[in-house]
N, C-alpha and C. Protein backbone atom coordinates (compact mmCIF):
# COMPACT_ATOMS: atom_id res chain seq x y z
N MET A 1 0.83 -1.19 0.00
CA MET A 1 0.00 0.00 0.00
C MET A 1 0.88 1.25 0.00
N GLU A 2 0.41 2.26 -0.70
CA GLU A 2 1.11 3.54 -0.77
C GLU A 2 0.20 4.63 -0.23
N LEU A 3 0.77 5.80 0.04
CA LEU A 3 -0.02 6.91 0.57
C LEU A 3 -1.22 7.23 -0.32
N LYS A 4 -1.01 7.19 -1.62
CA LYS A 4 -2.11 7.53 -2.55
C LYS A 4 -3.29 6.58 -2.40
N ASP A 5 -3.05 5.39 -1.89
CA ASP A 5 -4.13 4.41 -1.72
C ASP A 5 -5.03 4.73 -0.52
N THR A 6 -4.65 5.72 0.27
CA THR A 6 -5.43 6.09 1.45
C THR A 6 -6.30 7.32 1.23
N VAL A 7 -6.22 7.91 0.06
CA VAL A 7 -6.93 9.17 -0.21
C VAL A 7 -8.44 9.03 -0.04
N GLN A 8 -9.02 7.99 -0.60
CA GLN A 8 -10.47 7.82 -0.51
C GLN A 8 -10.92 7.71 0.94
N LEU A 9 -10.19 6.94 1.74
CA LEU A 9 -10.54 6.81 3.15
C LEU A 9 -10.40 8.15 3.87
N MET A 10 -9.36 8.90 3.54
CA MET A 10 -9.11 10.18 4.20
C MET A 10 -10.21 11.18 3.91
N GLN A 11 -10.87 11.07 2.77
CA GLN A 11 -11.92 12.00 2.39
C GLN A 11 -13.31 11.56 2.83
N SER A 12 -13.39 10.43 3.49
CA SER A 12 -14.68 9.90 3.91
C SER A 12 -15.33 10.78 4.98
N ASP A 13 -16.64 10.74 5.03
CA ASP A 13 -17.38 11.42 6.09
C ASP A 13 -17.38 10.61 7.38
N ASP A 14 -17.02 9.35 7.28
CA ASP A 14 -16.99 8.44 8.44
C ASP A 14 -15.64 8.57 9.16
N TYR A 15 -15.68 8.93 10.42
CA TYR A 15 -14.43 9.11 11.17
C TYR A 15 -13.63 7.82 11.26
N LYS A 16 -14.30 6.68 11.21
CA LYS A 16 -13.57 5.41 11.29
C LYS A 16 -12.71 5.22 10.04
N ASP A 17 -13.24 5.58 8.89
CA ASP A 17 -12.46 5.50 7.66
C ASP A 17 -11.25 6.44 7.73
N ARG A 18 -11.47 7.67 8.22
CA ARG A 18 -10.36 8.62 8.34
C ARG A 18 -9.33 8.13 9.35
N PHE A 19 -9.80 7.49 10.40
CA PHE A 19 -8.90 6.91 11.39
C PHE A 19 -8.03 5.83 10.76
N ILE A 20 -8.65 4.96 9.99
CA ILE A 20 -7.91 3.89 9.30
C ILE A 20 -6.88 4.49 8.35
N ALA A 21 -7.26 5.54 7.62
CA ALA A 21 -6.33 6.20 6.71
C ALA A 21 -5.16 6.79 7.48
N GLU A 22 -5.44 7.45 8.59
CA GLU A 22 -4.38 8.04 9.41
C GLU A 22 -3.40 6.96 9.87
N TYR A 23 -3.95 5.85 10.34
CA TYR A 23 -3.11 4.74 10.80
C TYR A 23 -2.26 4.20 9.66
N ARG A 24 -2.87 3.94 8.53
CA ARG A 24 -2.13 3.38 7.40
C ARG A 24 -1.04 4.33 6.90
N GLN A 25 -1.37 5.63 6.85
CA GLN A 25 -0.38 6.62 6.42
C GLN A 25 0.81 6.64 7.37
N LEU A 26 0.53 6.60 8.65
CA LEU A 26 1.61 6.61 9.64
C LEU A 26 2.49 5.37 9.50
N VAL A 27 1.89 4.22 9.33
CA VAL A 27 2.67 2.98 9.18
C VAL A 27 3.52 3.04 7.91
N ILE A 28 2.97 3.53 6.84
CA ILE A 28 3.72 3.66 5.58
C ILE A 28 4.93 4.57 5.79
N ARG A 29 4.70 5.73 6.40
CA ARG A 29 5.79 6.69 6.63
C ARG A 29 6.84 6.11 7.58
N PHE A 30 6.39 5.42 8.62
CA PHE A 30 7.30 4.80 9.58
C PHE A 30 8.20 3.77 8.88
N LYS A 31 7.61 2.91 8.08
CA LYS A 31 8.40 1.88 7.40
C LYS A 31 9.40 2.48 6.42
N LYS A 32 8.99 3.53 5.72
CA LYS A 32 9.90 4.17 4.76
C LYS A 32 11.06 4.85 5.47
N LEU A 33 10.78 5.54 6.57
CA LEU A 33 11.85 6.19 7.32
C LEU A 33 12.80 5.16 7.92
N ARG A 34 12.25 4.09 8.48
CA ARG A 34 13.08 3.04 9.06
C ARG A 34 13.98 2.41 7.99
N LYS A 35 13.43 2.18 6.81
CA LYS A 35 14.22 1.61 5.72
C LYS A 35 15.34 2.57 5.31
N MET A 36 15.03 3.87 5.26
CA MET A 36 16.05 4.85 4.91
C MET A 36 17.19 4.83 5.93
N VAL A 37 16.84 4.81 7.20
CA VAL A 37 17.86 4.81 8.26
C VAL A 37 18.70 3.53 8.19
N GLU A 38 18.05 2.40 7.96
CA GLU A 38 18.76 1.13 7.88
C GLU A 38 19.70 1.06 6.67
N ASN A 39 19.36 1.78 5.61
CA ASN A 39 20.15 1.74 4.38
C ASN A 39 20.90 3.05 4.14
N TRP A 40 21.26 3.74 5.20
CA TRP A 40 21.85 5.08 5.11
C TRP A 40 23.03 5.13 4.14
N ASN A 41 23.90 4.14 4.18
CA ASN A 41 25.11 4.16 3.35
C ASN A 41 24.85 3.81 1.89
N ASN A 42 23.64 3.40 1.56
CA ASN A 42 23.32 3.00 0.19
C ASN A 42 22.20 3.83 -0.42
N LEU A 43 21.98 5.04 0.09
CA LEU A 43 20.91 5.88 -0.43
C LEU A 43 21.31 6.50 -1.76
N ASP A 44 20.32 6.75 -2.60
CA ASP A 44 20.60 7.38 -3.89
C ASP A 44 20.44 8.90 -3.82
N PHE A 45 20.41 9.43 -2.59
CA PHE A 45 20.37 10.88 -2.37
C PHE A 45 21.13 11.17 -1.08
N LEU A 46 21.46 12.41 -0.86
CA LEU A 46 22.18 12.82 0.34
C LEU A 46 21.23 13.56 1.27
N PRO A 47 20.85 12.96 2.39
CA PRO A 47 19.95 13.64 3.32
C PRO A 47 20.58 14.93 3.86
N GLU A 48 19.74 15.91 4.15
CA GLU A 48 20.21 17.18 4.68
C GLU A 48 20.79 17.02 6.09
N CYS A 49 20.26 16.08 6.83
CA CYS A 49 20.72 15.85 8.19
C CYS A 49 22.12 15.23 8.14
N PRO A 50 23.10 15.84 8.81
CA PRO A 50 24.45 15.29 8.79
C PRO A 50 24.48 13.87 9.37
N LYS A 51 25.35 13.05 8.84
CA LYS A 51 25.42 11.65 9.27
C LYS A 51 25.65 11.54 10.78
N ALA A 52 26.46 12.44 11.33
CA ALA A 52 26.74 12.39 12.77
C ALA A 52 25.49 12.65 13.60
N ALA A 53 24.57 13.44 13.07
CA ALA A 53 23.37 13.80 13.83
C ALA A 53 22.16 12.93 13.50
N TYR A 54 22.24 12.21 12.39
CA TYR A 54 21.04 11.49 11.93
C TYR A 54 20.56 10.47 12.93
N LYS A 55 21.48 9.76 13.55
CA LYS A 55 21.08 8.66 14.42
C LYS A 55 20.14 9.14 15.53
N ALA A 56 20.53 10.20 16.20
CA ALA A 56 19.69 10.70 17.29
C ALA A 56 18.37 11.26 16.76
N ALA A 57 18.43 12.09 15.73
CA ALA A 57 17.22 12.74 15.22
C ALA A 57 16.24 11.73 14.64
N TYR A 58 16.72 10.89 13.74
CA TYR A 58 15.82 9.93 13.11
C TYR A 58 15.34 8.87 14.08
N ASN A 59 16.18 8.46 15.00
CA ASN A 59 15.74 7.47 15.99
C ASN A 59 14.68 8.06 16.92
N MET A 60 14.80 9.35 17.26
CA MET A 60 13.76 10.00 18.06
C MET A 60 12.45 10.04 17.28
N GLN A 61 12.55 10.36 15.99
CA GLN A 61 11.35 10.41 15.16
C GLN A 61 10.72 9.03 15.05
N LEU A 62 11.52 8.01 14.81
CA LEU A 62 10.99 6.64 14.71
C LEU A 62 10.33 6.21 16.02
N LYS A 63 10.94 6.57 17.13
CA LYS A 63 10.37 6.22 18.44
C LYS A 63 9.02 6.89 18.62
N ALA A 64 8.94 8.18 18.29
CA ALA A 64 7.67 8.90 18.42
C ALA A 64 6.61 8.30 17.51
N MET A 65 7.00 7.95 16.30
CA MET A 65 6.05 7.36 15.36
C MET A 65 5.58 6.00 15.85
N ALA A 66 6.48 5.20 16.39
CA ALA A 66 6.12 3.88 16.91
C ALA A 66 5.15 4.02 18.09
N GLU A 67 5.40 5.01 18.93
CA GLU A 67 4.50 5.24 20.07
C GLU A 67 3.12 5.69 19.58
N TYR A 68 3.10 6.54 18.55
CA TYR A 68 1.84 7.00 17.99
C TYR A 68 1.07 5.83 17.36
N ILE A 69 1.79 4.95 16.67
CA ILE A 69 1.16 3.75 16.11
C ILE A 69 0.52 2.94 17.23
N ALA A 70 1.24 2.77 18.33
CA ALA A 70 0.71 2.01 19.47
C ALA A 70 -0.54 2.66 20.04
N VAL A 71 -0.55 3.99 20.14
CA VAL A 71 -1.72 4.69 20.64
C VAL A 71 -2.92 4.46 19.71
N LEU A 72 -2.68 4.57 18.42
CA LEU A 72 -3.78 4.35 17.47
C LEU A 72 -4.29 2.91 17.54
N GLU A 73 -3.40 1.97 17.77
CA GLU A 73 -3.83 0.56 17.89
C GLU A 73 -4.70 0.36 19.13
N VAL A 74 -4.35 1.02 20.22
CA VAL A 74 -5.17 0.94 21.43
C VAL A 74 -6.54 1.56 21.18
N ARG A 75 -6.54 2.76 20.58
CA ARG A 75 -7.81 3.41 20.26
C ARG A 75 -8.66 2.55 19.34
N ALA A 76 -8.02 1.93 18.35
CA ALA A 76 -8.77 1.08 17.42
C ALA A 76 -9.45 -0.06 18.17
N ALA A 77 -8.72 -0.65 19.10
CA ALA A 77 -9.30 -1.75 19.88
C ALA A 77 -10.48 -1.26 20.74
N ILE A 78 -10.31 -0.12 21.37
CA ILE A 78 -11.37 0.44 22.22
C ILE A 78 -12.60 0.80 21.40
N GLU A 79 -12.36 1.39 20.22
CA GLU A 79 -13.45 1.88 19.39
C GLU A 79 -13.95 0.84 18.38
N HIS A 80 -13.42 -0.36 18.46
CA HIS A 80 -13.83 -1.46 17.57
C HIS A 80 -13.67 -1.08 16.11
N ILE A 81 -12.46 -0.58 15.79
CA ILE A 81 -12.12 -0.23 14.41
C ILE A 81 -11.10 -1.24 13.91
N SER A 82 -11.41 -1.92 12.86
CA SER A 82 -10.51 -2.91 12.29
C SER A 82 -9.48 -2.21 11.42
N ILE A 83 -8.24 -2.20 11.90
CA ILE A 83 -7.18 -1.55 11.14
C ILE A 83 -6.30 -2.58 10.48
């Protein structure tokens, strides 16, 4: 799944659909960032963040995203939303 595949859900009038889109978008972004960090030495572009600083900055971002994913999973369970 790609971000573009979540557009219809994001535009829905049903909050559950928008919730599912938010969750899927976050997971997509999390996986892409994690892959970038894991493959830092083999990227086909040069990130603006200096290599010396990337570990702390990107790892903080990944941690925050993982925590947000966990929060959404708890909410989904409470609200009976199948994600």
